[in-house]
Amino acid sequence: MSKITPCLWFDGNAEEAAKFYVSLLPNSRIDKVTRSPANNPSTPAGAVLTVEFTLAGQPFMGLNGGPAFHFTEAVSFTIHCEDQAEVDRLWEALLQGGGSPSDCGWLKDRFGLSWQITPRLLPQMLSDPNREAAARAMKAMMQMGKLDIAAIRRAYEGQPGYLGEASEAQHAPH
């Protein structure tokens, strides 16, 4: 058992959310479903109270706590993607059924949970000792919703036509 397990508060749909999340990533599964032994303010006796599940090896708990609390962007989960196909697949899957895209690789899924769909390569680029290359990658990323690895790489490498190039030219001293 992990020493720390994030607990996610849902309004009656913790099991649906857990099943959806575990369908997206390898090394994921539903571990345990606990039904409420008695009526309580959020869950009638016999209804799903908690769902313990594992996402990509990380344990989580979903709690059907009722409508009192909602997710905010103050907490999000980052999925480190190996390639553009994985970015595209997860982005589309997490938006299905009422999710909403945001900027810089962020989105909210239909349950209101915030995710960052991030190419594994991006943090390496942003922390590169070549600060000019890192800044170009950051500027390109800041203009995107879903992240485009090829476009960020072009910006990082300073190739002509990268995102951000036009805005830099517009603001260059004359």
N, C-alpha and C. Protein backbone atom coordinates (compact mmCIF):
# COMPACT_ATOMS: atom_id res chain seq x y z
N MET A 1 0.84 -1.18 0.00
CA MET A 1 0.00 0.00 0.00
C MET A 1 0.88 1.25 0.00
N SER A 2 0.51 2.22 -0.82
CA SER A 2 1.23 3.48 -0.90
C SER A 2 1.01 4.29 0.37
N LYS A 3 2.00 5.05 0.78
CA LYS A 3 1.88 5.88 1.96
C LYS A 3 0.91 7.05 1.73
N ILE A 4 0.87 7.55 0.50
CA ILE A 4 -0.04 8.65 0.16
C ILE A 4 -0.91 8.22 -1.01
N THR A 5 -2.21 8.40 -0.85
CA THR A 5 -3.17 8.10 -1.92
C THR A 5 -4.05 9.32 -2.13
N PRO A 6 -4.02 9.94 -3.31
CA PRO A 6 -4.94 11.05 -3.57
C PRO A 6 -6.38 10.56 -3.50
N CYS A 7 -7.22 11.33 -2.82
CA CYS A 7 -8.65 11.03 -2.72
C CYS A 7 -9.41 12.09 -3.52
N LEU A 8 -10.18 11.63 -4.49
CA LEU A 8 -10.93 12.53 -5.36
C LEU A 8 -12.41 12.49 -4.97
N TRP A 9 -12.99 13.64 -4.76
CA TRP A 9 -14.37 13.78 -4.28
C TRP A 9 -15.31 13.89 -5.48
N PHE A 10 -16.24 12.97 -5.57
CA PHE A 10 -17.23 12.96 -6.66
C PHE A 10 -18.63 13.09 -6.08
N ASP A 11 -19.55 13.45 -6.93
CA ASP A 11 -20.96 13.57 -6.55
C ASP A 11 -21.73 12.38 -7.11
N GLY A 12 -21.47 11.20 -6.57
CA GLY A 12 -22.22 10.01 -6.95
C GLY A 12 -21.70 9.24 -8.14
N ASN A 13 -20.64 9.72 -8.81
CA ASN A 13 -20.16 9.03 -10.02
C ASN A 13 -18.69 8.61 -9.92
N ALA A 14 -18.23 8.31 -8.71
CA ALA A 14 -16.84 7.89 -8.52
C ALA A 14 -16.52 6.60 -9.28
N GLU A 15 -17.44 5.64 -9.28
CA GLU A 15 -17.17 4.38 -9.97
C GLU A 15 -17.12 4.59 -11.49
N GLU A 16 -18.03 5.39 -12.02
CA GLU A 16 -18.02 5.70 -13.46
C GLU A 16 -16.71 6.39 -13.85
N ALA A 17 -16.27 7.35 -13.04
CA ALA A 17 -15.03 8.07 -13.32
C ALA A 17 -13.84 7.11 -13.26
N ALA A 18 -13.77 6.29 -12.23
CA ALA A 18 -12.65 5.36 -12.08
C ALA A 18 -12.59 4.40 -13.26
N LYS A 19 -13.72 3.87 -13.68
CA LYS A 19 -13.74 2.95 -14.83
C LYS A 19 -13.24 3.66 -16.09
N PHE A 20 -13.64 4.91 -16.26
CA PHE A 20 -13.20 5.69 -17.42
C PHE A 20 -11.68 5.91 -17.35
N TYR A 21 -11.17 6.37 -16.23
CA TYR A 21 -9.75 6.66 -16.11
C TYR A 21 -8.89 5.41 -16.33
N VAL A 22 -9.28 4.28 -15.74
CA VAL A 22 -8.45 3.08 -15.89
C VAL A 22 -8.47 2.55 -17.32
N SER A 23 -9.48 2.94 -18.11
CA SER A 23 -9.52 2.50 -19.51
C SER A 23 -8.50 3.24 -20.37
N LEU A 24 -7.93 4.32 -19.87
CA LEU A 24 -7.06 5.19 -20.67
C LEU A 24 -5.58 4.83 -20.63
N LEU A 25 -5.12 4.24 -19.53
CA LEU A 25 -3.68 4.08 -19.33
C LEU A 25 -3.32 2.64 -18.97
N PRO A 26 -2.17 2.16 -19.47
CA PRO A 26 -1.71 0.84 -19.05
C PRO A 26 -1.38 0.81 -17.56
N ASN A 27 -1.30 -0.38 -16.99
CA ASN A 27 -1.02 -0.58 -15.57
C ASN A 27 -2.05 0.14 -14.70
N SER A 28 -3.32 0.05 -15.12
CA SER A 28 -4.42 0.69 -14.41
C SER A 28 -5.52 -0.34 -14.17
N ARG A 29 -6.21 -0.19 -13.03
CA ARG A 29 -7.26 -1.17 -12.69
C ARG A 29 -8.13 -0.63 -11.56
N ILE A 30 -9.33 -1.20 -11.44
CA ILE A 30 -10.16 -0.98 -10.26
C ILE A 30 -9.69 -1.99 -9.22
N ASP A 31 -9.35 -1.52 -8.03
CA ASP A 31 -8.83 -2.40 -7.00
C ASP A 31 -9.91 -2.85 -6.01
N LYS A 32 -10.81 -1.92 -5.65
CA LYS A 32 -11.82 -2.26 -4.65
C LYS A 32 -12.96 -1.25 -4.71
N VAL A 33 -14.17 -1.75 -4.60
CA VAL A 33 -15.36 -0.90 -4.50
C VAL A 33 -16.00 -1.19 -3.15
N THR A 34 -16.20 -0.13 -2.37
CA THR A 34 -16.82 -0.28 -1.05
C THR A 34 -18.18 0.40 -1.07
N ARG A 35 -19.17 -0.34 -0.61
CA ARG A 35 -20.53 0.19 -0.55
C ARG A 35 -20.79 0.71 0.87
N SER A 36 -21.59 1.73 0.97
CA SER A 36 -21.87 2.35 2.26
C SER A 36 -22.63 1.35 3.15
N PRO A 37 -22.12 1.12 4.37
CA PRO A 37 -22.81 0.19 5.26
C PRO A 37 -24.07 0.78 5.89
N ALA A 38 -24.23 2.09 5.82
CA ALA A 38 -25.39 2.76 6.41
C ALA A 38 -25.64 4.05 5.65
N ASN A 39 -26.83 4.59 5.79
CA ASN A 39 -27.13 5.89 5.20
C ASN A 39 -26.19 6.93 5.82
N ASN A 40 -25.74 7.86 4.98
CA ASN A 40 -24.94 8.99 5.47
C ASN A 40 -25.34 10.20 4.63
N PRO A 41 -24.84 11.38 4.93
CA PRO A 41 -25.31 12.57 4.21
C PRO A 41 -25.12 12.53 2.69
N SER A 42 -24.15 11.75 2.18
CA SER A 42 -23.90 11.76 0.74
C SER A 42 -24.27 10.46 0.04
N THR A 43 -24.43 9.38 0.79
CA THR A 43 -24.57 8.07 0.16
C THR A 43 -25.58 7.21 0.93
N PRO A 44 -26.59 6.71 0.26
CA PRO A 44 -27.51 5.79 0.95
C PRO A 44 -26.86 4.43 1.18
N ALA A 45 -27.34 3.72 2.15
CA ALA A 45 -26.83 2.38 2.45
C ALA A 45 -26.86 1.54 1.18
N GLY A 46 -25.76 0.83 0.92
CA GLY A 46 -25.67 -0.06 -0.24
C GLY A 46 -25.14 0.59 -1.51
N ALA A 47 -25.12 1.92 -1.57
CA ALA A 47 -24.59 2.62 -2.75
C ALA A 47 -23.06 2.67 -2.67
N VAL A 48 -22.41 2.88 -3.80
CA VAL A 48 -20.95 2.96 -3.82
C VAL A 48 -20.50 4.17 -3.00
N LEU A 49 -19.68 3.91 -2.01
CA LEU A 49 -19.12 4.97 -1.18
C LEU A 49 -17.73 5.36 -1.67
N THR A 50 -16.85 4.35 -1.86
CA THR A 50 -15.49 4.61 -2.33
C THR A 50 -15.11 3.61 -3.42
N VAL A 51 -14.20 4.05 -4.27
CA VAL A 51 -13.60 3.20 -5.29
C VAL A 51 -12.10 3.39 -5.20
N GLU A 52 -11.39 2.32 -4.91
CA GLU A 52 -9.94 2.36 -4.92
C GLU A 52 -9.50 1.88 -6.30
N PHE A 53 -8.63 2.67 -6.95
CA PHE A 53 -8.18 2.32 -8.29
C PHE A 53 -6.74 2.74 -8.48
N THR A 54 -6.12 2.15 -9.47
CA THR A 54 -4.73 2.42 -9.79
C THR A 54 -4.66 2.96 -11.21
N LEU A 55 -3.97 4.08 -11.38
CA LEU A 55 -3.74 4.68 -12.70
C LEU A 55 -2.25 4.69 -12.96
N ALA A 56 -1.83 3.96 -13.98
CA ALA A 56 -0.41 3.90 -14.35
C ALA A 56 0.46 3.62 -13.13
N GLY A 57 0.00 2.73 -12.26
CA GLY A 57 0.77 2.34 -11.09
C GLY A 57 0.55 3.20 -9.86
N GLN A 58 -0.15 4.33 -9.98
CA GLN A 58 -0.39 5.25 -8.86
C GLN A 58 -1.77 4.97 -8.26
N PRO A 59 -1.82 4.70 -6.93
CA PRO A 59 -3.13 4.46 -6.31
C PRO A 59 -3.92 5.76 -6.13
N PHE A 60 -5.23 5.64 -6.28
CA PHE A 60 -6.17 6.73 -6.07
C PHE A 60 -7.38 6.18 -5.33
N MET A 61 -8.14 7.09 -4.74
CA MET A 61 -9.43 6.72 -4.18
C MET A 61 -10.46 7.72 -4.69
N GLY A 62 -11.59 7.23 -5.15
CA GLY A 62 -12.72 8.07 -5.49
C GLY A 62 -13.74 7.96 -4.38
N LEU A 63 -14.22 9.06 -3.87
CA LEU A 63 -15.19 9.11 -2.78
C LEU A 63 -16.46 9.77 -3.30
N ASN A 64 -17.58 9.12 -3.16
CA ASN A 64 -18.87 9.74 -3.47
C ASN A 64 -19.28 10.58 -2.28
N GLY A 65 -18.77 11.80 -2.23
CA GLY A 65 -18.98 12.68 -1.09
C GLY A 65 -20.15 13.63 -1.21
N GLY A 66 -20.78 13.67 -2.39
CA GLY A 66 -21.93 14.55 -2.57
C GLY A 66 -21.56 15.83 -3.30
N PRO A 67 -22.52 16.74 -3.39
CA PRO A 67 -22.35 17.95 -4.23
C PRO A 67 -21.63 19.11 -3.55
N ALA A 68 -21.19 18.97 -2.32
CA ALA A 68 -20.65 20.11 -1.57
C ALA A 68 -19.35 20.67 -2.13
N PHE A 69 -18.49 19.82 -2.70
CA PHE A 69 -17.18 20.28 -3.15
C PHE A 69 -16.97 19.92 -4.61
N HIS A 70 -16.20 20.77 -5.31
CA HIS A 70 -15.94 20.56 -6.73
C HIS A 70 -14.45 20.67 -6.99
N PHE A 71 -14.01 20.04 -8.07
CA PHE A 71 -12.61 20.14 -8.48
C PHE A 71 -12.32 21.55 -8.98
N THR A 72 -11.08 21.99 -8.80
CA THR A 72 -10.62 23.25 -9.40
C THR A 72 -9.27 22.98 -10.07
N GLU A 73 -8.82 23.93 -10.85
CA GLU A 73 -7.52 23.83 -11.51
C GLU A 73 -6.36 23.90 -10.53
N ALA A 74 -6.64 24.20 -9.27
CA ALA A 74 -5.58 24.27 -8.27
C ALA A 74 -4.90 22.91 -8.08
N VAL A 75 -5.59 21.84 -8.46
CA VAL A 75 -5.01 20.50 -8.43
C VAL A 75 -5.27 19.87 -9.80
N SER A 76 -4.22 19.34 -10.40
CA SER A 76 -4.36 18.67 -11.69
C SER A 76 -3.42 17.48 -11.71
N PHE A 77 -3.65 16.62 -12.68
CA PHE A 77 -2.79 15.46 -12.87
C PHE A 77 -2.13 15.56 -14.23
N THR A 78 -0.83 15.36 -14.26
CA THR A 78 -0.06 15.41 -15.50
C THR A 78 0.13 14.00 -16.01
N ILE A 79 -0.15 13.81 -17.31
CA ILE A 79 0.17 12.55 -17.96
C ILE A 79 1.32 12.84 -18.91
N HIS A 80 2.46 12.20 -18.68
CA HIS A 80 3.65 12.37 -19.50
C HIS A 80 3.54 11.44 -20.70
N CYS A 81 3.43 12.02 -21.89
CA CYS A 81 3.18 11.26 -23.12
C CYS A 81 4.48 11.06 -23.90
N GLU A 82 4.59 9.89 -24.49
CA GLU A 82 5.79 9.53 -25.25
C GLU A 82 5.82 10.16 -26.63
N ASP A 83 4.66 10.35 -27.26
CA ASP A 83 4.63 10.85 -28.63
C ASP A 83 3.32 11.58 -28.90
N GLN A 84 3.22 12.15 -30.12
CA GLN A 84 2.03 12.92 -30.48
C GLN A 84 0.79 12.05 -30.52
N ALA A 85 0.93 10.79 -30.93
CA ALA A 85 -0.23 9.90 -30.98
C ALA A 85 -0.84 9.73 -29.59
N GLU A 86 0.02 9.61 -28.58
CA GLU A 86 -0.50 9.47 -27.20
C GLU A 86 -1.13 10.77 -26.73
N VAL A 87 -0.50 11.91 -27.04
CA VAL A 87 -1.09 13.21 -26.71
C VAL A 87 -2.48 13.31 -27.33
N ASP A 88 -2.57 13.02 -28.62
CA ASP A 88 -3.86 13.13 -29.33
C ASP A 88 -4.91 12.20 -28.74
N ARG A 89 -4.54 10.94 -28.49
CA ARG A 89 -5.50 9.95 -27.98
C ARG A 89 -6.04 10.37 -26.62
N LEU A 90 -5.17 10.75 -25.71
CA LEU A 90 -5.61 11.11 -24.36
C LEU A 90 -6.39 12.42 -24.36
N TRP A 91 -5.96 13.37 -25.16
CA TRP A 91 -6.65 14.66 -25.25
C TRP A 91 -8.09 14.43 -25.69
N GLU A 92 -8.26 13.68 -26.76
CA GLU A 92 -9.61 13.43 -27.29
C GLU A 92 -10.45 12.62 -26.30
N ALA A 93 -9.87 11.59 -25.70
CA ALA A 93 -10.62 10.74 -24.77
C ALA A 93 -11.08 11.53 -23.55
N LEU A 94 -10.21 12.34 -22.98
CA LEU A 94 -10.57 13.09 -21.78
C LEU A 94 -11.57 14.20 -22.05
N LEU A 95 -11.65 14.67 -23.29
CA LEU A 95 -12.64 15.70 -23.64
C LEU A 95 -14.01 15.11 -23.95
N GLN A 96 -14.07 13.81 -24.25
CA GLN A 96 -15.33 13.18 -24.61
C GLN A 96 -16.38 13.36 -23.52
N GLY A 97 -17.61 13.55 -23.95
CA GLY A 97 -18.73 13.58 -23.02
C GLY A 97 -18.88 14.85 -22.22
N GLY A 98 -18.25 15.93 -22.64
CA GLY A 98 -18.46 17.20 -21.95
C GLY A 98 -17.25 17.83 -21.32
N GLY A 99 -16.05 17.32 -21.64
CA GLY A 99 -14.84 17.96 -21.14
C GLY A 99 -14.63 19.30 -21.83
N SER A 100 -13.68 20.09 -21.32
CA SER A 100 -13.41 21.38 -21.94
C SER A 100 -11.90 21.61 -22.04
N PRO A 101 -11.44 22.00 -23.25
CA PRO A 101 -10.01 22.26 -23.44
C PRO A 101 -9.63 23.59 -22.82
N SER A 102 -8.36 23.71 -22.51
CA SER A 102 -7.82 24.96 -22.01
C SER A 102 -6.51 25.22 -22.73
N ASP A 103 -5.66 26.04 -22.14
CA ASP A 103 -4.39 26.42 -22.76
C ASP A 103 -3.25 25.55 -22.27
N CYS A 104 -2.18 25.51 -23.05
CA CYS A 104 -0.90 24.92 -22.66
C CYS A 104 -0.99 23.45 -22.29
N GLY A 105 -1.86 22.69 -22.96
CA GLY A 105 -1.97 21.26 -22.71
C GLY A 105 -2.88 20.89 -21.56
N TRP A 106 -3.62 21.84 -21.01
CA TRP A 106 -4.54 21.59 -19.90
C TRP A 106 -5.95 21.36 -20.44
N LEU A 107 -6.70 20.56 -19.71
CA LEU A 107 -8.12 20.38 -20.01
C LEU A 107 -8.83 19.93 -18.75
N LYS A 108 -10.16 20.05 -18.78
CA LYS A 108 -11.01 19.48 -17.73
C LYS A 108 -11.80 18.36 -18.37
N ASP A 109 -11.88 17.22 -17.69
CA ASP A 109 -12.68 16.12 -18.21
C ASP A 109 -14.15 16.34 -17.83
N ARG A 110 -15.01 15.44 -18.24
CA ARG A 110 -16.45 15.60 -18.00
C ARG A 110 -16.82 15.55 -16.52
N PHE A 111 -15.91 15.09 -15.67
CA PHE A 111 -16.16 15.06 -14.23
C PHE A 111 -15.65 16.34 -13.55
N GLY A 112 -14.99 17.20 -14.33
CA GLY A 112 -14.47 18.45 -13.79
C GLY A 112 -13.04 18.39 -13.32
N LEU A 113 -12.39 17.23 -13.47
CA LEU A 113 -11.01 17.06 -13.02
C LEU A 113 -10.05 17.63 -14.08
N SER A 114 -9.04 18.36 -13.64
CA SER A 114 -8.07 18.99 -14.54
C SER A 114 -6.89 18.06 -14.80
N TRP A 115 -6.47 18.03 -16.06
CA TRP A 115 -5.36 17.20 -16.52
C TRP A 115 -4.41 18.05 -17.35
N GLN A 116 -3.13 17.70 -17.31
CA GLN A 116 -2.13 18.27 -18.19
C GLN A 116 -1.63 17.13 -19.07
N ILE A 117 -1.86 17.24 -20.36
CA ILE A 117 -1.42 16.22 -21.31
C ILE A 117 -0.13 16.75 -21.92
N THR A 118 0.99 16.22 -21.44
CA THR A 118 2.30 16.82 -21.68
C THR A 118 3.27 15.85 -22.34
N PRO A 119 3.88 16.25 -23.45
CA PRO A 119 4.94 15.42 -24.02
C PRO A 119 6.09 15.29 -23.03
N ARG A 120 6.61 14.10 -22.87
CA ARG A 120 7.72 13.85 -21.94
C ARG A 120 8.92 14.75 -22.27
N LEU A 121 9.07 15.11 -23.53
CA LEU A 121 10.19 15.92 -23.99
C LEU A 121 10.10 17.39 -23.52
N LEU A 122 8.91 17.90 -23.26
CA LEU A 122 8.74 19.32 -22.95
C LEU A 122 9.51 19.79 -21.72
N PRO A 123 9.46 19.12 -20.58
CA PRO A 123 10.22 19.62 -19.43
C PRO A 123 11.73 19.67 -19.70
N GLN A 124 12.23 18.76 -20.52
CA GLN A 124 13.65 18.79 -20.87
C GLN A 124 13.97 20.05 -21.67
N MET A 125 13.09 20.38 -22.62
CA MET A 125 13.30 21.59 -23.42
C MET A 125 13.24 22.85 -22.55
N LEU A 126 12.25 22.90 -21.66
CA LEU A 126 12.05 24.10 -20.85
C LEU A 126 13.16 24.31 -19.82
N SER A 127 13.87 23.26 -19.47
CA SER A 127 14.96 23.38 -18.50
C SER A 127 16.34 23.36 -19.16
N ASP A 128 16.37 23.43 -20.49
CA ASP A 128 17.64 23.40 -21.22
C ASP A 128 18.51 24.58 -20.80
N PRO A 129 19.82 24.37 -20.62
CA PRO A 129 20.71 25.49 -20.30
C PRO A 129 20.72 26.57 -21.39
N ASN A 130 20.39 26.19 -22.63
CA ASN A 130 20.25 27.19 -23.70
C ASN A 130 18.92 27.89 -23.48
N ARG A 131 18.96 28.99 -22.75
CA ARG A 131 17.74 29.68 -22.33
C ARG A 131 16.96 30.26 -23.51
N GLU A 132 17.64 30.61 -24.59
CA GLU A 132 16.93 31.12 -25.78
C GLU A 132 16.07 30.02 -26.39
N ALA A 133 16.64 28.82 -26.53
CA ALA A 133 15.88 27.69 -27.06
C ALA A 133 14.72 27.35 -26.13
N ALA A 134 14.96 27.35 -24.82
CA ALA A 134 13.92 27.07 -23.84
C ALA A 134 12.80 28.11 -23.94
N ALA A 135 13.17 29.37 -24.11
CA ALA A 135 12.17 30.44 -24.21
C ALA A 135 11.33 30.29 -25.47
N ARG A 136 11.96 29.90 -26.59
CA ARG A 136 11.19 29.70 -27.82
C ARG A 136 10.18 28.56 -27.65
N ALA A 137 10.60 27.48 -27.00
CA ALA A 137 9.68 26.36 -26.76
C ALA A 137 8.53 26.80 -25.86
N MET A 138 8.83 27.59 -24.83
CA MET A 138 7.80 28.08 -23.92
C MET A 138 6.81 28.99 -24.65
N LYS A 139 7.31 29.89 -25.48
CA LYS A 139 6.42 30.79 -26.23
C LYS A 139 5.50 30.01 -27.16
N ALA A 140 6.03 29.00 -27.80
CA ALA A 140 5.21 28.17 -28.69
C ALA A 140 4.14 27.45 -27.87
N MET A 141 4.53 26.83 -26.75
CA MET A 141 3.58 26.11 -25.91
C MET A 141 2.47 27.03 -25.41
N MET A 142 2.81 28.25 -25.07
CA MET A 142 1.84 29.19 -24.51
C MET A 142 0.75 29.57 -25.52
N GLN A 143 0.97 29.32 -26.79
CA GLN A 143 -0.02 29.65 -27.82
C GLN A 143 -0.92 28.47 -28.18
N MET A 144 -0.71 27.35 -27.53
CA MET A 144 -1.43 26.13 -27.90
C MET A 144 -2.50 25.76 -26.88
N GLY A 145 -3.49 25.02 -27.35
CA GLY A 145 -4.40 24.28 -26.48
C GLY A 145 -3.76 22.92 -26.30
N LYS A 146 -4.15 21.98 -27.18
CA LYS A 146 -3.48 20.68 -27.21
C LYS A 146 -2.06 20.91 -27.70
N LEU A 147 -1.09 20.29 -27.05
CA LEU A 147 0.30 20.52 -27.41
C LEU A 147 0.68 19.75 -28.67
N ASP A 148 1.43 20.44 -29.53
CA ASP A 148 1.91 19.90 -30.80
C ASP A 148 3.43 19.76 -30.68
N ILE A 149 3.87 18.51 -30.52
CA ILE A 149 5.29 18.25 -30.27
C ILE A 149 6.16 18.77 -31.40
N ALA A 150 5.76 18.55 -32.65
CA ALA A 150 6.58 18.98 -33.79
C ALA A 150 6.73 20.50 -33.81
N ALA A 151 5.65 21.22 -33.54
CA ALA A 151 5.72 22.69 -33.54
C ALA A 151 6.59 23.20 -32.39
N ILE A 152 6.48 22.58 -31.24
CA ILE A 152 7.32 22.99 -30.10
C ILE A 152 8.78 22.70 -30.41
N ARG A 153 9.05 21.56 -31.03
CA ARG A 153 10.43 21.21 -31.40
C ARG A 153 10.99 22.22 -32.41
N ARG A 154 10.17 22.60 -33.41
CA ARG A 154 10.62 23.60 -34.40
C ARG A 154 10.98 24.91 -33.71
N ALA A 155 10.13 25.31 -32.76
CA ALA A 155 10.41 26.55 -32.01
C ALA A 155 11.69 26.40 -31.20
N TYR A 156 11.82 25.32 -30.51
CA TYR A 156 12.99 25.05 -29.68
C TYR A 156 14.27 25.12 -30.51
N GLU A 157 14.22 24.54 -31.72
CA GLU A 157 15.38 24.51 -32.61
C GLU A 157 15.56 25.81 -33.39
N GLY A 158 14.59 26.74 -33.27
CA GLY A 158 14.68 28.02 -33.96
C GLY A 158 14.46 27.91 -35.46
N GLN A 159 13.73 26.90 -35.88
CA GLN A 159 13.47 26.72 -37.31
C GLN A 159 12.51 27.80 -37.80
N PRO A 160 12.67 28.23 -39.06
CA PRO A 160 11.75 29.23 -39.62
C PRO A 160 10.31 28.75 -39.56
N GLY A 161 9.40 29.68 -39.27
CA GLY A 161 7.98 29.37 -39.25
C GLY A 161 7.48 28.81 -37.94
N TYR A 162 8.31 28.78 -36.90
CA TYR A 162 7.82 28.24 -35.63
C TYR A 162 6.82 29.21 -35.00
N LEU A 163 5.96 28.68 -34.15
CA LEU A 163 4.99 29.52 -33.45
C LEU A 163 5.74 30.52 -32.59
N GLY A 164 5.29 31.75 -32.60
CA GLY A 164 5.93 32.78 -31.80
C GLY A 164 6.87 33.65 -32.60
N GLU A 165 7.32 33.15 -33.76
CA GLU A 165 8.28 33.89 -34.57
C GLU A 165 7.67 35.21 -35.06
N ALA A 166 6.42 35.16 -35.53
CA ALA A 166 5.78 36.37 -36.06
C ALA A 166 5.61 37.41 -34.95
N SER A 167 5.17 36.97 -33.77
CA SER A 167 4.95 37.94 -32.70
C SER A 167 6.28 38.55 -32.25
N GLU A 168 7.37 37.78 -32.29
CA GLU A 168 8.67 38.35 -31.94
C GLU A 168 9.08 39.38 -32.99
N ALA A 169 8.85 39.09 -34.27
CA ALA A 169 9.21 40.02 -35.34
C ALA A 169 8.40 41.31 -35.22
N GLN A 170 7.12 41.19 -34.83
CA GLN A 170 6.26 42.37 -34.70
C GLN A 170 6.73 43.27 -33.58
N HIS A 171 7.36 42.68 -32.54
CA HIS A 171 7.77 43.48 -31.41
C HIS A 171 9.27 43.83 -31.43
N ALA A 172 9.94 43.49 -32.53
CA ALA A 172 11.37 43.80 -32.62
C ALA A 172 11.56 45.32 -32.76
N PRO A 173 12.61 45.86 -32.14
CA PRO A 173 12.86 47.30 -32.27
C PRO A 173 13.17 47.66 -33.72
N HIS A 174 12.69 48.80 -34.16
CA HIS A 174 12.88 49.26 -35.55
C HIS A 174 13.96 50.30 -35.63
